[in-house]
Protein backbone atom coordinates (compact mmCIF):
# COMPACT_ATOMS: atom_id res chain seq x y z
CA MET A 1 -88.53 -49.32 80.61
CA THR A 2 -91.72 -51.00 79.52
CA VAL A 3 -93.79 -51.06 76.40
CA ASN A 4 -97.51 -51.63 76.21
CA LYS A 5 -98.39 -53.88 73.28
CA ASN A 6 -102.01 -52.78 73.44
CA ASP A 7 -104.08 -50.59 75.68
CA THR A 8 -105.68 -53.49 77.58
CA GLY A 9 -102.65 -55.75 78.13
CA PRO A 10 -99.92 -55.43 80.73
CA ALA A 11 -96.75 -53.54 79.91
CA GLU A 12 -93.83 -55.69 78.81
CA ARG A 13 -90.35 -55.21 80.25
CA LEU A 14 -87.69 -53.95 77.87
CA LEU A 15 -84.10 -54.94 78.53
CA THR A 16 -80.96 -52.93 77.85
CA PRO A 17 -78.08 -54.38 75.82
CA GLY A 18 -76.17 -54.72 79.11
CA GLU A 19 -78.93 -56.78 80.71
CA VAL A 20 -79.19 -59.07 77.68
CA ALA A 21 -75.40 -59.39 77.57
CA HIS A 22 -75.38 -60.45 81.22
CA ILE A 23 -78.02 -63.11 80.55
CA PHE A 24 -76.02 -64.59 77.65
CA GLY A 25 -72.60 -64.01 79.18
CA VAL A 26 -71.35 -61.85 76.32
CA ASP A 27 -70.31 -58.22 75.80
CA PRO A 28 -73.09 -55.67 75.15
CA LYS A 29 -71.48 -54.89 71.78
CA THR A 30 -72.08 -58.53 70.81
CA VAL A 31 -75.78 -58.15 71.62
CA ASN A 32 -75.96 -55.04 69.42
CA ARG A 33 -74.15 -56.90 66.64
CA TRP A 34 -76.67 -59.76 66.89
CA SER A 35 -79.45 -57.19 66.57
CA LEU A 36 -77.88 -55.56 63.51
CA THR A 37 -77.53 -58.94 61.80
CA GLY A 38 -81.12 -59.95 62.61
CA LYS A 39 -80.23 -62.75 65.01
CA ILE A 40 -82.11 -61.13 67.88
CA PRO A 41 -85.09 -58.74 67.56
CA SER A 42 -84.82 -55.24 69.01
CA LEU A 43 -86.63 -51.95 69.30
CA LYS A 44 -85.17 -48.46 69.09
CA THR A 45 -86.10 -45.79 71.59
CA PRO A 46 -86.85 -42.25 70.38
CA GLY A 47 -83.28 -41.42 71.46
CA GLY A 48 -81.87 -44.16 69.21
CA GLN A 49 -80.96 -46.70 71.89
CA ARG A 50 -81.68 -50.39 71.42
CA ARG A 51 -84.00 -52.28 73.74
CA TYR A 52 -84.99 -55.94 73.75
CA ARG A 53 -88.36 -57.41 74.73
CA GLN A 54 -88.05 -59.78 77.64
CA SER A 55 -90.45 -62.19 75.91
CA ASP A 56 -88.07 -62.41 72.91
CA ILE A 57 -85.13 -63.20 75.20
CA ASP A 58 -87.22 -65.74 77.11
CA ALA A 59 -88.12 -67.41 73.81
CA LEU A 60 -84.46 -67.65 72.80
CA LEU A 61 -83.60 -69.24 76.12
CA GLY A 62 -86.68 -71.44 76.19
CA GLN A 63 -87.59 -70.27 79.71
CA PRO A 64 -88.42 -67.03 81.55
CA VAL A 65 -85.49 -64.99 82.85
CA ARG A 66 -85.55 -63.05 86.13
CA THR A 67 -83.56 -59.91 85.41
CA SER A 68 -84.06 -58.52 88.91
CA GLU A 69 -81.97 -61.31 90.43
CA ALA A 70 -78.35 -62.26 89.82
CA ILE A 71 -78.33 -64.50 86.74
CA ALA A 72 -75.92 -67.37 86.46
CA VAL A 73 -75.16 -68.26 82.87
CA GLY A 74 -76.44 -71.80 82.56
CA ARG A 75 -76.13 -74.50 79.96
CA SER A 76 -79.19 -73.34 77.99
CA ALA A 77 -77.82 -69.78 77.70
CA LEU A 78 -74.50 -71.09 76.45
CA GLU A 79 -76.25 -73.26 73.84
CA VAL A 80 -78.28 -70.28 72.59
CA THR A 81 -75.16 -68.11 72.55
CA CYS A 82 -73.37 -70.65 70.39
CA SER A 83 -76.28 -70.88 67.95
CA LEU A 84 -76.47 -67.07 67.65
CA ARG A 85 -72.83 -66.65 66.66
């Protein structure tokens, strides 16, 4: 799923709670809990599901994330995870 910030810019990738959970090495319920407590920004689809902008996740990690490849949880992801809890 993608969202277009404006009509002239490229569409931005939206991540599911499962994809974000994989990046941080946590359960998807933890990602939703972070969203509910304001620790991580999210959007809601018309159907009520949460989605996360890839740029927001990249900013938390301090580097771009490739969601199309297998992601190994690295040191930076663990540090961010600890600071979010």
